PDB file of N, CA and C in Angstrom:
ATOM      1  N   MET A   1     112.147  81.938  97.820  1.00  0.00           N
ATOM      2  CA  MET A   1     113.419  81.993  98.471  1.00  0.00           C
ATOM      3  C   MET A   1     114.186  80.933  97.637  1.00  0.00           C
ATOM      4  N   LYS A   2     115.434  81.266  97.244  1.00  0.00           N
ATOM      5  CA  LYS A   2     116.484  80.345  96.760  1.00  0.00           C
ATOM      6  C   LYS A   2     117.216  79.653  97.724  1.00  0.00           C
ATOM      7  N   ALA A   3     117.732  80.431  98.695  1.00  0.00           N
ATOM      8  CA  ALA A   3     118.662  79.940  99.714  1.00  0.00           C
ATOM      9  C   ALA A   3     118.377  80.857 100.962  1.00  0.00           C
ATOM     10  N   SER A   4     118.180  80.321 102.027  1.00  0.00           N
ATOM     11  CA  SER A   4     118.043  81.047 103.326  1.00  0.00           C
ATOM     12  C   SER A   4     119.222  80.967 103.892  1.00  0.00           C
ATOM     13  N   GLY A   5     119.587  81.530 105.274  1.00  0.00           N
ATOM     14  CA  GLY A   5     120.707  81.629 105.948  1.00  0.00           C
ATOM     15  C   GLY A   5     120.957  80.206 106.667  1.00  0.00           C
ATOM     16  N   ALA A   6     119.681  79.565 106.866  1.00  0.00           N
ATOM     17  CA  ALA A   6     119.731  78.103 107.554  1.00  0.00           C
ATOM     18  C   ALA A   6     120.705  77.261 106.536  1.00  0.00           C
ATOM     19  N   GLN A   7     120.334  77.416 105.107  1.00  0.00           N
ATOM     20  CA  GLN A   7     120.930  76.649 104.135  1.00  0.00           C
ATOM     21  C   GLN A   7     122.501  77.012 103.781  1.00  0.00           C
ATOM     22  N   THR A   8     122.911  78.318 104.163  1.00  0.00           N
ATOM     23  CA  THR A   8     124.093  78.832 103.854  1.00  0.00           C
ATOM     24  C   THR A   8     125.090  79.098 105.145  1.00  0.00           C
ATOM     25  N   GLY A   9     124.539  78.514 106.148  1.00  0.00           N
ATOM     26  CA  GLY A   9     125.545  78.994 107.425  1.00  0.00           C
ATOM     27  C   GLY A   9     125.493  80.347 107.738  1.00  0.00           C
ATOM     28  N   GLY A  10     124.317  80.998 107.312  1.00  0.00           N
ATOM     29  CA  GLY A  10     124.249  82.406 107.737  1.00  0.00           C
ATOM     30  C   GLY A  10     125.207  83.267 106.751  1.00  0.00           C
ATOM     31  N   LEU A  11     125.883  82.705 105.740  1.00  0.00           N
ATOM     32  CA  LEU A  11     126.654  83.693 105.088  1.00  0.00           C
ATOM     33  C   LEU A  11     125.937  84.558 104.007  1.00  0.00           C
ATOM     34  N   PHE A  12     124.857  83.979 103.425  1.00  0.00           N
ATOM     35  CA  PHE A  12     123.973  84.778 102.556  1.00  0.00           C
ATOM     36  C   PHE A  12     122.689  84.360 102.654  1.00  0.00           C
ATOM     37  N   GLY A  13     121.539  85.199 102.096  1.00  0.00           N
ATOM     38  CA  GLY A  13     120.408  84.610 101.433  1.00  0.00           C
ATOM     39  C   GLY A  13     120.113  85.024 100.061  1.00  0.00           C
ATOM     40  N   LEU A  14     119.192  84.357  99.423  1.00  0.00           N
ATOM     41  CA  LEU A  14     118.971  84.452  98.046  1.00  0.00           C
ATOM     42  C   LEU A  14     117.651  84.400  97.703  1.00  0.00           C
ATOM     43  N   VAL A  15     116.960  85.187  97.064  1.00  0.00           N
ATOM     44  CA  VAL A  15     115.618  85.350  96.799  1.00  0.00           C
ATOM     45  C   VAL A  15     115.365  85.986  95.264  1.00  0.00           C
ATOM     46  N   GLU A  16     114.386  85.294  94.535  1.00  0.00           N
ATOM     47  CA  GLU A  16     114.044  85.758  93.312  1.00  0.00           C
ATOM     48  C   GLU A  16     112.897  86.490  93.280  1.00  0.00           C
ATOM     49  N   VAL A  17     112.965  87.529  92.692  1.00  0.00           N
ATOM     50  CA  VAL A  17     112.073  88.820  92.932  1.00  0.00           C
ATOM     51  C   VAL A  17     111.483  88.975  91.535  1.00  0.00           C
ATOM     52  N   SER A  18     110.108  88.990  91.248  1.00  0.00           N
ATOM     53  CA  SER A  18     109.309  89.599  90.161  1.00  0.00           C
ATOM     54  C   SER A  18     108.795  90.874  90.389  1.00  0.00           C
ATOM     55  N   THR A  19     108.975  91.890  89.420  1.00  0.00           N
ATOM     56  CA  THR A  19     108.611  93.242  90.003  1.00  0.00           C
ATOM     57  C   THR A  19     107.720  93.687  88.693  1.00  0.00           C
ATOM     58  N   SER A  20     106.628  94.333  88.955  1.00  0.00           N
ATOM     59  CA  SER A  20     105.812  94.751  87.864  1.00  0.00           C
ATOM     60  C   SER A  20     106.138  96.115  87.526  1.00  0.00           C
ATOM     61  N   GLU A  21     105.822  96.626  86.118  1.00  0.00           N
ATOM     62  CA  GLU A  21     106.346  97.742  85.844  1.00  0.00           C
ATOM     63  C   GLU A  21     105.908  98.875  86.591  1.00  0.00           C
ATOM     64  N   GLY A  22     107.092  99.868  87.104  1.00  0.00           N
ATOM     65  CA  GLY A  22     106.720 100.995  87.942  1.00  0.00           C
ATOM     66  C   GLY A  22     106.684 100.666  89.341  1.00  0.00           C
ATOM     67  N   SER A  23     106.999  99.476  89.769  1.00  0.00           N
ATOM     68  CA  SER A  23     106.941  99.396  91.146  1.00  0.00           C
ATOM     69  C   SER A  23     108.312  98.693  91.752  1.00  0.00           C
ATOM     70  N   GLY A  24     108.533  98.717  93.031  1.00  0.00           N
ATOM     71  CA  GLY A  24     109.613  98.433  93.700  1.00  0.00           C
ATOM     72  C   GLY A  24     109.680  98.769  95.157  1.00  0.00           C
ATOM     73  N   PRO A  25     110.675  98.455  95.773  1.00  0.00           N
ATOM     74  CA  PRO A  25     110.702  98.920  97.282  1.00  0.00           C
ATOM     75  C   PRO A  25     110.846 100.265  97.503  1.00  0.00           C
ATOM     76  N   PRO A  26     110.622 100.872  98.620  1.00  0.00           N
ATOM     77  CA  PRO A  26     111.099 102.184  98.679  1.00  0.00           C
ATOM     78  C   PRO A  26     112.568 102.320  99.117  1.00  0.00           C
ATOM     79  N   PRO A  27     112.958 103.529  98.640  1.00  0.00           N
ATOM     80  CA  PRO A  27     114.585 103.672  98.686  1.00  0.00           C
ATOM     81  C   PRO A  27     114.852 103.160 100.270  1.00  0.00           C
ATOM     82  N   HIS A  28     115.935 102.669 100.561  1.00  0.00           N
ATOM     83  CA  HIS A  28     116.219 102.196 101.917  1.00  0.00           C
ATOM     84  C   HIS A  28     117.665 102.136 102.210  1.00  0.00           C
ATOM     85  N   VAL A  29     118.133 101.978 103.568  1.00  0.00           N
ATOM     86  CA  VAL A  29     119.467 101.574 103.713  1.00  0.00           C
ATOM     87  C   VAL A  29     119.721 100.595 104.693  1.00  0.00           C
ATOM     88  N   HIS A  30     120.341  99.507 104.548  1.00  0.00           N
ATOM     89  CA  HIS A  30     120.715  98.395 105.318  1.00  0.00           C
ATOM     90  C   HIS A  30     121.822  98.783 106.353  1.00  0.00           C
ATOM     91  N   GLU A  31     121.806  98.800 107.589  1.00  0.00           N
ATOM     92  CA  GLU A  31     122.669  98.796 108.662  1.00  0.00           C
ATOM     93  C   GLU A  31     123.639  97.514 108.423  1.00  0.00           C
ATOM     94  N   ARG A  32     123.140  96.567 108.299  1.00  0.00           N
ATOM     95  CA  ARG A  32     123.853  95.310 108.739  1.00  0.00           C
ATOM     96  C   ARG A  32     124.188  94.318 107.531  1.00  0.00           C
ATOM     97  N   GLU A  33     123.389  94.542 106.363  1.00  0.00           N
ATOM     98  CA  GLU A  33     123.832  93.855 105.161  1.00  0.00           C
ATOM     99  C   GLU A  33     124.290  94.504 103.865  1.00  0.00           C
ATOM    100  N   ASP A  34     125.006  93.718 103.198  1.00  0.00           N
ATOM    101  CA  ASP A  34     125.291  94.390 101.883  1.00  0.00           C
ATOM    102  C   ASP A  34     124.120  93.562 100.981  1.00  0.00           C
ATOM    103  N   GLU A  35     123.912  94.205  99.865  1.00  0.00           N
ATOM    104  CA  GLU A  35     122.812  93.630  99.000  1.00  0.00           C
ATOM    105  C   GLU A  35     123.485  93.564  97.477  1.00  0.00           C
ATOM    106  N   ALA A  36     122.955  92.725  96.760  1.00  0.00           N
ATOM    107  CA  ALA A  36     123.394  92.478  95.384  1.00  0.00           C
ATOM    108  C   ALA A  36     122.273  92.154  94.447  1.00  0.00           C
ATOM    109  N   PHE A  37     122.181  92.591  93.222  1.00  0.00           N
ATOM    110  CA  PHE A  37     121.074  92.205  92.263  1.00  0.00           C
ATOM    111  C   PHE A  37     121.586  91.639  91.014  1.00  0.00           C
ATOM    112  N   TYR A  38     120.906  90.502  90.550  1.00  0.00           N
ATOM    113  CA  TYR A  38     121.385  90.103  89.228  1.00  0.00           C
ATOM    114  C   TYR A  38     120.227  90.278  88.210  1.00  0.00           C
ATOM    115  N   VAL A  39     119.896  90.909  87.366  1.00  0.00           N
ATOM    116  CA  VAL A  39     118.827  90.802  86.620  1.00  0.00           C
ATOM    117  C   VAL A  39     118.658  89.694  85.514  1.00  0.00           C
ATOM    118  N   LEU A  40     117.512  88.784  85.632  1.00  0.00           N
ATOM    119  CA  LEU A  40     117.285  87.728  84.930  1.00  0.00           C
ATOM    120  C   LEU A  40     116.524  88.059  83.789  1.00  0.00           C
ATOM    121  N   GLU A  41     115.485  88.953  83.907  1.00  0.00           N
ATOM    122  CA  GLU A  41     114.751  89.494  82.731  1.00  0.00           C
ATOM    123  C   GLU A  41     114.159  90.703  82.870  1.00  0.00           C
ATOM    124  N   GLY A  42     113.955  91.343  81.684  1.00  0.00           N
ATOM    125  CA  GLY A  42     113.362  92.916  81.893  1.00  0.00           C
ATOM    126  C   GLY A  42     114.420  93.826  82.221  1.00  0.00           C
ATOM    127  N   SER A  43     114.013  94.994  82.597  1.00  0.00           N
ATOM    128  CA  SER A  43     114.771  95.937  83.007  1.00  0.00           C
ATOM    129  C   SER A  43     114.367  96.579  84.272  1.00  0.00           C
ATOM    130  N   TYR A  44     115.261  97.375  85.154  1.00  0.00           N
ATOM    131  CA  TYR A  44     115.114  98.029  86.325  1.00  0.00           C
ATOM    132  C   TYR A  44     115.865  99.327  86.159  1.00  0.00           C
ATOM    133  N   GLU A  45     115.252 100.395  86.773  1.00  0.00           N
ATOM    134  CA  GLU A  45     116.140 101.503  87.189  1.00  0.00           C
ATOM    135  C   GLU A  45     116.589 101.295  88.499  1.00  0.00           C
ATOM    136  N   VAL A  46     118.092 101.280  88.916  1.00  0.00           N
ATOM    137  CA  VAL A  46     118.499 101.130  90.122  1.00  0.00           C
ATOM    138  C   VAL A  46     119.321 102.164  90.677  1.00  0.00           C
ATOM    139  N   THR A  47     119.075 102.565  91.868  1.00  0.00           N
ATOM    140  CA  THR A  47     119.784 103.671  92.415  1.00  0.00           C
ATOM    141  C   THR A  47     120.576 103.229  93.541  1.00  0.00           C
ATOM    142  N   VAL A  48     121.859 103.287  93.558  1.00  0.00           N
ATOM    143  CA  VAL A  48     122.897 103.122  94.663  1.00  0.00           C
ATOM    144  C   VAL A  48     123.472 104.298  94.985  1.00  0.00           C
ATOM    145  N   GLY A  49     123.466 104.841  96.237  1.00  0.00           N
ATOM    146  CA  GLY A  49     123.872 106.213  96.536  1.00  0.00           C
ATOM    147  C   GLY A  49     123.431 107.267  95.500  1.00  0.00           C
ATOM    148  N   ASN A  50     124.625 107.891  94.851  1.00  0.00           N
ATOM    149  CA  ASN A  50     124.301 108.787  93.774  1.00  0.00           C
ATOM    150  C   ASN A  50     124.370 108.198  92.331  1.00  0.00           C
ATOM    151  N   ASP A  51     124.490 107.008  92.201  1.00  0.00           N
ATOM    152  CA  ASP A  51     124.682 106.418  90.858  1.00  0.00           C
ATOM    153  C   ASP A  51     123.193 105.949  90.459  1.00  0.00           C
ATOM    154  N   ARG A  52     122.886 106.016  89.110  1.00  0.00           N
ATOM    155  CA  ARG A  52     121.736 105.421  88.767  1.00  0.00           C
ATOM    156  C   ARG A  52     122.147 104.408  87.540  1.00  0.00           C
ATOM    157  N   PHE A  53     121.335 103.400  87.533  1.00  0.00           N
ATOM    158  CA  PHE A  53     121.896 102.358  86.427  1.00  0.00           C
ATOM    159  C   PHE A  53     120.501 101.905  85.690  1.00  0.00           C
ATOM    160  N   ASP A  54     120.793 101.690  84.439  1.00  0.00           N
ATOM    161  CA  ASP A  54     119.626 101.119  83.518  1.00  0.00           C
ATOM    162  C   ASP A  54     120.116  99.447  83.461  1.00  0.00           C
ATOM    163  N   ALA A  55     119.601  98.715  84.606  1.00  0.00           N
ATOM    164  CA  ALA A  55     119.812  97.451  84.550  1.00  0.00           C
ATOM    165  C   ALA A  55     119.090  96.532  83.813  1.00  0.00           C
ATOM    166  N   ARG A  56     119.582  95.866  82.745  1.00  0.00           N
ATOM    167  CA  ARG A  56     118.794  94.613  81.976  1.00  0.00           C
ATOM    168  C   ARG A  56     119.616  93.494  82.260  1.00  0.00           C
ATOM    169  N   GLU A  57     118.796  92.450  81.472  1.00  0.00           N
ATOM    170  CA  GLU A  57     119.094  90.925  81.721  1.00  0.00           C
ATOM    171  C   GLU A  57     120.844  90.865  81.657  1.00  0.00           C
ATOM    172  N   GLY A  58     121.248  90.313  82.670  1.00  0.00           N
ATOM    173  CA  GLY A  58     122.536  90.049  82.772  1.00  0.00           C
ATOM    174  C   GLY A  58     123.429  91.030  83.572  1.00  0.00           C
ATOM    175  N   PHE A  59     122.653  92.175  84.127  1.00  0.00           N
ATOM    176  CA  PHE A  59     123.505  93.159  84.741  1.00  0.00           C
ATOM    177  C   PHE A  59     123.377  92.759  86.265  1.00  0.00           C
ATOM    178  N   PHE A  60     124.643  93.078  86.887  1.00  0.00           N
ATOM    179  CA  PHE A  60     125.108  92.938  88.149  1.00  0.00           C
ATOM    180  C   PHE A  60     125.197  94.119  88.912  1.00  0.00           C
ATOM    181  N   ILE A  61     124.542  94.364  89.987  1.00  0.00           N
ATOM    182  CA  ILE A  61     124.915  95.568  90.883  1.00  0.00           C
ATOM    183  C   ILE A  61     125.068  95.208  92.362  1.00  0.00           C
ATOM    184  N   PHE A  62     125.805  96.077  92.911  1.00  0.00           N
ATOM    185  CA  PHE A  62     126.346  95.709  94.392  1.00  0.00           C
ATOM    186  C   PHE A  62     125.877  96.850  94.903  1.00  0.00           C
ATOM    187  N   ALA A  63     125.278  96.708  96.317  1.00  0.00           N
ATOM    188  CA  ALA A  63     124.826  97.991  97.057  1.00  0.00           C
ATOM    189  C   ALA A  63     125.602  97.603  98.450  1.00  0.00           C
ATOM    190  N   PRO A  64     126.454  98.425  99.042  1.00  0.00           N
ATOM    191  CA  PRO A  64     127.035  98.099 100.144  1.00  0.00           C
ATOM    192  C   PRO A  64     125.991  98.550 101.395  1.00  0.00           C
ATOM    193  N   ARG A  65     126.317  97.903 102.409  1.00  0.00           N
ATOM    194  CA  ARG A  65     125.512  98.339 103.826  1.00  0.00           C
ATOM    195  C   ARG A  65     125.839  99.739 104.150  1.00  0.00           C
ATOM    196  N   ARG A  66     124.885 100.359 104.512  1.00  0.00           N
ATOM    197  CA  ARG A  66     124.779 101.828 104.879  1.00  0.00           C
ATOM    198  C   ARG A  66     124.893 102.778 103.447  1.00  0.00           C
ATOM    199  N   VAL A  67     124.734 102.200 102.376  1.00  0.00           N
ATOM    200  CA  VAL A  67     124.452 103.344 101.221  1.00  0.00           C
ATOM    201  C   VAL A  67     122.986 103.013 100.896  1.00  0.00           C
ATOM    202  N   PRO A  68     122.289 104.132 100.730  1.00  0.00           N
ATOM    203  CA  PRO A  68     120.924 104.195 100.370  1.00  0.00           C
ATOM    204  C   PRO A  68     120.891 103.628  98.761  1.00  0.00           C
ATOM    205  N   HIS A  69     119.647 102.664  98.672  1.00  0.00           N
ATOM    206  CA  HIS A  69     119.419 102.120  97.416  1.00  0.00           C
ATOM    207  C   HIS A  69     117.983 101.688  97.302  1.00  0.00           C
ATOM    208  N   GLY A  70     117.726 101.638  96.003  1.00  0.00           N
ATOM    209  CA  GLY A  70     116.505 101.218  95.549  1.00  0.00           C
ATOM    210  C   GLY A  70     116.301 100.751  94.243  1.00  0.00           C
ATOM    211  N   TYR A  71     115.044 100.277  93.900  1.00  0.00           N
ATOM    212  CA  TYR A  71     114.741  99.931  92.262  1.00  0.00           C
ATOM    213  C   TYR A  71     113.599 100.142  91.990  1.00  0.00           C
ATOM    214  N   VAL A  72     113.344 100.227  90.631  1.00  0.00           N
ATOM    215  CA  VAL A  72     112.002 100.303  90.045  1.00  0.00           C
ATOM    216  C   VAL A  72     111.975  99.465  88.906  1.00  0.00           C
ATOM    217  N   GLY A  73     110.941  98.784  88.682  1.00  0.00           N
ATOM    218  CA  GLY A  73     110.730  97.828  87.340  1.00  0.00           C
ATOM    219  C   GLY A  73     110.343  98.814  86.327  1.00  0.00           C
ATOM    220  N   ARG A  74     111.218  98.496  85.237  1.00  0.00           N
ATOM    221  CA  ARG A  74     110.907  99.309  83.918  1.00  0.00           C
ATOM    222  C   ARG A  74     110.461  98.561  82.802  1.00  0.00           C
ATOM    223  N   ALA A  75     110.539  97.191  82.662  1.00  0.00           N
ATOM    224  CA  ALA A  75     110.058  96.671  81.538  1.00  0.00           C
ATOM    225  C   ALA A  75     109.525  95.332  82.170  1.00  0.00           C
ATOM    226  N   ALA A  76     108.410  95.157  82.040  1.00  0.00           N
ATOM    227  CA  ALA A  76     107.562  93.676  82.599  1.00  0.00           C
ATOM    228  C   ALA A  76     107.805  92.800  81.485  1.00  0.00           C
ATOM    229  N   PRO A  77     107.901  91.330  81.836  1.00  0.00           N
ATOM    230  CA  PRO A  77     108.242  91.138  83.214  1.00  0.00           C
ATOM    231  C   PRO A  77     109.593  91.120  83.566  1.00  0.00           C
ATOM    232  N   ALA A  78     109.872  91.885  84.919  1.00  0.00           N
ATOM    233  CA  ALA A  78     111.032  92.047  85.275  1.00  0.00           C
ATOM    234  C   ALA A  78     111.392  91.114  86.421  1.00  0.00           C
ATOM    235  N   ARG A  79     112.342  90.356  86.490  1.00  0.00           N
ATOM    236  CA  ARG A  79     113.022  89.539  87.479  1.00  0.00           C
ATOM    237  C   ARG A  79     114.420  89.494  87.804  1.00  0.00           C
ATOM    238  N   HIS A  80     114.457  89.351  89.103  1.00  0.00           N
ATOM    239  CA  HIS A  80     116.130  89.425  89.417  1.00  0.00           C
ATOM    240  C   HIS A  80     116.352  88.631  90.656  1.00  0.00           C
ATOM    241  N   LEU A  81     117.669  88.217  90.807  1.00  0.00           N
ATOM    242  CA  LEU A  81     117.986  87.583  91.933  1.00  0.00           C
ATOM    243  C   LEU A  81     118.604  88.701  93.048  1.00  0.00           C
ATOM    244  N   GLY A  82     118.015  88.285  94.297  1.00  0.00           N
ATOM    245  CA  GLY A  82     118.550  89.531  95.269  1.00  0.00           C
ATOM    246  C   GLY A  82     119.284  88.729  96.314  1.00  0.00           C
ATOM    247  N   PHE A  83     120.490  89.082  96.607  1.00  0.00           N
ATOM    248  CA  PHE A  83     121.450  88.347  97.524  1.00  0.00           C
ATOM    249  C   PHE A  83     121.471  89.464  98.652  1.00  0.00           C
ATOM    250  N   VAL A  84     121.853  88.912  99.769  1.00  0.00           N
ATOM    251  CA  VAL A  84     122.034  89.511 101.014  1.00  0.00           C
ATOM    252  C   VAL A  84     123.271  89.011 101.699  1.00  0.00           C
ATOM    253  N   PHE A  85     124.077  89.757 102.329  1.00  0.00           N
ATOM    254  CA  PHE A  85     125.384  89.158 102.851  1.00  0.00           C
ATOM    255  C   PHE A  85     125.400  89.830 104.147  1.00  0.00           C
ATOM    256  N   PRO A  86     125.533  89.383 105.446  1.00  0.00           N
ATOM    257  CA  PRO A  86     125.067  88.147 105.550  1.00  0.00           C
ATOM    258  C   PRO A  86     123.512  87.878 105.494  1.00  0.00           C
ATOM    259  N   SER A  87     123.093  86.649 105.691  1.00  0.00           N
ATOM    260  CA  SER A  87     121.739  86.209 105.532  1.00  0.00           C
ATOM    261  C   SER A  87     120.749  87.059 106.779  1.00  0.00           C
ATOM    262  N   GLY A  88     119.594  86.924 106.647  1.00  0.00           N
ATOM    263  CA  GLY A  88     118.560  87.369 107.618  1.00  0.00           C
ATOM    264  C   GLY A  88     117.593  88.239 106.867  1.00  0.00           C
ATOM    265  N   TRP A  89     117.881  89.170 106.132  1.00  0.00           N
ATOM    266  CA  TRP A  89     116.921  90.087 105.463  1.00  0.00           C
ATOM    267  C   TRP A  89     116.013  89.206 104.403  1.00  0.00           C
ATOM    268  N   GLU A  90     116.294  88.032 103.844  1.00  0.00           N
ATOM    269  CA  GLU A  90     115.549  87.404 102.862  1.00  0.00           C
ATOM    270  C   GLU A  90     114.321  86.791 103.433  1.00  0.00           C
ATOM    271  N   THR A  91     114.189  86.841 104.670  1.00  0.00           N
ATOM    272  CA  THR A  91     112.956  86.264 105.314  1.00  0.00           C
ATOM    273  C   THR A  91     111.963  87.271 105.675  1.00  0.00           C
ATOM    274  N   PHE A  92     112.404  88.731 105.276  1.00  0.00           N
ATOM    275  CA  PHE A  92     111.524  89.786 105.572  1.00  0.00           C
ATOM    276  C   PHE A  92     110.143  89.739 105.342  1.00  0.00           C
ATOM    277  N   PHE A  93     109.805  89.665 104.013  1.00  0.00           N
ATOM    278  CA  PHE A  93     108.481  89.612 103.403  1.00  0.00           C
ATOM    279  C   PHE A  93     107.571  88.455 103.807  1.00  0.00           C
ATOM    280  N   HIS A  94     108.279  87.261 103.925  1.00  0.00           N
ATOM    281  CA  HIS A  94     107.518  86.290 104.748  1.00  0.00           C
ATOM    282  C   HIS A  94     107.110  86.674 105.976  1.00  0.00           C
ATOM    283  N   ASP A  95     108.094  87.225 106.752  1.00  0.00           N
ATOM    284  CA  ASP A  95     107.810  87.617 108.221  1.00  0.00           C
ATOM    285  C   ASP A  95     106.586  88.678 108.117  1.00  0.00           C
ATOM    286  N   VAL A  96     106.655  89.631 107.304  1.00  0.00           N
ATOM    287  CA  VAL A  96     105.752  90.544 107.277  1.00  0.00           C
ATOM    288  C   VAL A  96     104.229  90.023 106.968  1.00  0.00           C
ATOM    289  N   VAL A  97     104.183  89.038 106.084  1.00  0.00           N
ATOM    290  CA  VAL A  97     102.917  88.624 105.841  1.00  0.00           C
ATOM    291  C   VAL A  97     102.357  87.406 106.967  1.00  0.00           C
ATOM    292  N   ARG A  98     103.381  86.959 107.683  1.00  0.00           N
ATOM    293  CA  ARG A  98     102.977  85.941 108.613  1.00  0.00           C
ATOM    294  C   ARG A  98     102.424  86.984 110.000  1.00  0.00           C
ATOM    295  N   ALA A  99     103.186  88.197 110.050  1.00  0.00           N
ATOM    296  CA  ALA A  99     102.826  88.991 111.123  1.00  0.00           C
ATOM    297  C   ALA A  99     101.537  89.782 110.938  1.00  0.00           C
ATOM    298  N   THR A 100     101.179  90.012 109.662  1.00  0.00           N
ATOM    299  CA  THR A 100      99.969  90.887 109.487  1.00  0.00           C
ATOM    300  C   THR A 100      98.915  90.266 108.602  1.00  0.00           C
ATOM    301  N   GLY A 101      99.255  89.135 108.089  1.00  0.00           N
ATOM    302  CA  GLY A 101      98.081  88.391 107.156  1.00  0.00           C
ATOM    303  C   GLY A 101      98.076  88.876 105.941  1.00  0.00           C
ATOM    304  N   GLY A 102      99.032  89.633 105.409  1.00  0.00           N
ATOM    305  CA  GLY A 102      99.064  90.505 104.015  1.00  0.00           C
ATOM    306  C   GLY A 102      99.783  91.538 104.139  1.00  0.00           C
ATOM    307  N   ALA A 103      99.807  92.507 103.105  1.00  0.00           N
ATOM    308  CA  ALA A 103     100.306  93.454 102.877  1.00  0.00           C
ATOM    309  C   ALA A 103      99.805  94.914 103.820  1.00  0.00           C
ATOM    310  N   ALA A 104     100.788  95.172 104.741  1.00  0.00           N
ATOM    311  CA  ALA A 104     100.303  96.128 105.689  1.00  0.00           C
ATOM    312  C   ALA A 104     101.357  97.294 105.573  1.00  0.00           C
ATOM    313  N   PRO A 105     101.381  98.304 104.697  1.00  0.00           N
ATOM    314  CA  PRO A 105     102.321  99.147 104.462  1.00  0.00           C
ATOM    315  C   PRO A 105     102.885 100.081 105.839  1.00  0.00           C
ATOM    316  N   ALA A 106     101.867 100.302 106.660  1.00  0.00           N
ATOM    317  CA  ALA A 106     102.112 100.893 108.029  1.00  0.00           C
ATOM    318  C   ALA A 106     102.853 100.139 108.794  1.00  0.00           C
ATOM    319  N   MET A 107     103.184  98.911 108.648  1.00  0.00           N
ATOM    320  CA  MET A 107     103.926  98.046 109.673  1.00  0.00           C
ATOM    321  C   MET A 107     105.373  97.764 109.036  1.00  0.00           C
ATOM    322  N   LEU A 108     105.459  98.195 107.628  1.00  0.00           N
ATOM    323  CA  LEU A 108     106.621  97.848 106.933  1.00  0.00           C
ATOM    324  C   LEU A 108     107.814  98.594 107.534  1.00  0.00           C
ATOM    325  N   ALA A 109     107.756  99.868 107.898  1.00  0.00           N
ATOM    326  CA  ALA A 109     108.989 100.667 108.454  1.00  0.00           C
ATOM    327  C   ALA A 109     109.118 100.175 109.565  1.00  0.00           C
ATOM    328  N   GLU A 110     108.151  99.731 110.459  1.00  0.00           N
ATOM    329  CA  GLU A 110     108.435  99.415 111.863  1.00  0.00           C
ATOM    330  C   GLU A 110     109.395  97.973 111.985  1.00  0.00           C
ATOM    331  N   LEU A 111     108.771  97.137 110.955  1.00  0.00           N
ATOM    332  CA  LEU A 111     109.395  95.824 110.890  1.00  0.00           C
ATOM    333  C   LEU A 111     110.737  96.073 110.408  1.00  0.00           C
ATOM    334  N   ALA A 112     110.812  96.807 109.343  1.00  0.00           N
ATOM    335  CA  ALA A 112     112.413  96.974 108.580  1.00  0.00           C
ATOM    336  C   ALA A 112     113.234  97.567 109.709  1.00  0.00           C
ATOM    337  N   LYS A 113     112.860  98.457 110.439  1.00  0.00           N
ATOM    338  CA  LYS A 113     113.728  99.210 111.531  1.00  0.00           C
ATOM    339  C   LYS A 113     114.245  98.220 112.415  1.00  0.00           C
ATOM    340  N   GLU A 114     113.391  97.127 112.689  1.00  0.00           N
ATOM    341  CA  GLU A 114     113.596  96.161 113.764  1.00  0.00           C
ATOM    342  C   GLU A 114     115.047  95.372 113.299  1.00  0.00           C
ATOM    343  N   ARG A 115     114.908  95.288 111.912  1.00  0.00           N
ATOM    344  CA  ARG A 115     116.011  94.558 111.249  1.00  0.00           C
ATOM    345  C   ARG A 115     116.986  95.345 110.910  1.00  0.00           C
ATOM    346  N   GLY A 116     117.345  96.622 111.288  1.00  0.00           N
ATOM    347  CA  GLY A 116     118.420  97.485 111.145  1.00  0.00           C
ATOM    348  C   GLY A 116     118.118  98.089 109.540  1.00  0.00           C
ATOM    349  N   VAL A 117     117.106  98.169 109.090  1.00  0.00           N
ATOM    350  CA  VAL A 117     116.755  98.819 107.545  1.00  0.00           C
ATOM    351  C   VAL A 117     115.963  99.976 107.938  1.00  0.00           C
ATOM    352  N   THR A 118     116.341 101.370 107.389  1.00  0.00           N
ATOM    353  CA  THR A 118     115.778 102.452 107.436  1.00  0.00           C
ATOM    354  C   THR A 118     115.150 102.702 105.963  1.00  0.00           C
ATOM    355  N   LEU A 119     113.712 102.836 105.914  1.00  0.00           N
ATOM    356  CA  LEU A 119     113.097 103.244 104.743  1.00  0.00           C
ATOM    357  C   LEU A 119     113.186 104.639 104.548  1.00  0.00           C
ATOM    358  N   LEU A 120     113.332 105.216 103.482  1.00  0.00           N
ATOM    359  CA  LEU A 120     113.931 106.551 103.162  1.00  0.00           C
ATOM    360  C   LEU A 120     113.035 107.478 102.465  1.00  0.00           C
ATOM    361  N   GLY A 121     111.866 106.837 102.159  1.00  0.00           N
ATOM    362  CA  GLY A 121     110.534 107.428 101.277  1.00  0.00           C
ATOM    363  C   GLY A 121     109.578 106.525 100.884  1.00  0.00           C
ATOM    364  N   PRO A 122     108.636 106.900 100.257  1.00  0.00           N
ATOM    365  CA  PRO A 122     107.695 105.940  99.792  1.00  0.00           C
ATOM    366  C   PRO A 122     108.088 105.065  98.702  1.00  0.00           C
ATOM    367  N   PRO A 123     107.425 103.970  98.578  1.00  0.00           N
ATOM    368  CA  PRO A 123     107.697 102.950  97.473  1.00  0.00           C
ATOM    369  C   PRO A 123     107.334 103.911  96.017  1.00  0.00           C
ATOM    370  N   PRO A 124     108.076 103.444  94.869  1.00  0.00           N
ATOM    371  CA  PRO A 124     107.692 104.025  93.638  1.00  0.00           C
ATOM    372  C   PRO A 124     106.330 104.022  93.345  1.00  0.00           C
ATOM    373  N   ALA A 125     105.497 105.039  92.717  1.00  0.00           N
ATOM    374  CA  ALA A 125     104.302 104.964  92.172  1.00  0.00           C
ATOM    375  C   ALA A 125     104.033 103.773  91.080  1.00  0.00           C
ATOM    376  N   SER A 126     103.175 103.046  91.346  1.00  0.00           N
ATOM    377  CA  SER A 126     103.093 101.982  90.160  1.00  0.00           C
ATOM    378  C   SER A 126     101.921 102.506  89.337  1.00  0.00           C
TER     379      SER A 126
END
């Protein structure tokens, strides 16, 4: 985590994410947050609504709330900065690990839903 809501007065959260080739989150939609991506290294296939992007180093993508989106790492190592406006979502994965003691895919949808995020399908196959 680069910046939490506690550090930004709730305005935004910022995380740095490393993604292996062929992996990424399930397609999803946020009801409360806008999300943005800035690619630091490698490349991603990013989908926002009906648009697909081949996002490489230096590419910025904005995903407004209530618009389905997702991404897949295409060239490893792939790293990006993930912004959420307002803050809150940036703590999701820390909270999942704290609640489950590790990766627990069955709980992801439930915990996401509690935060106003709907998972729309399975994560990309890695």
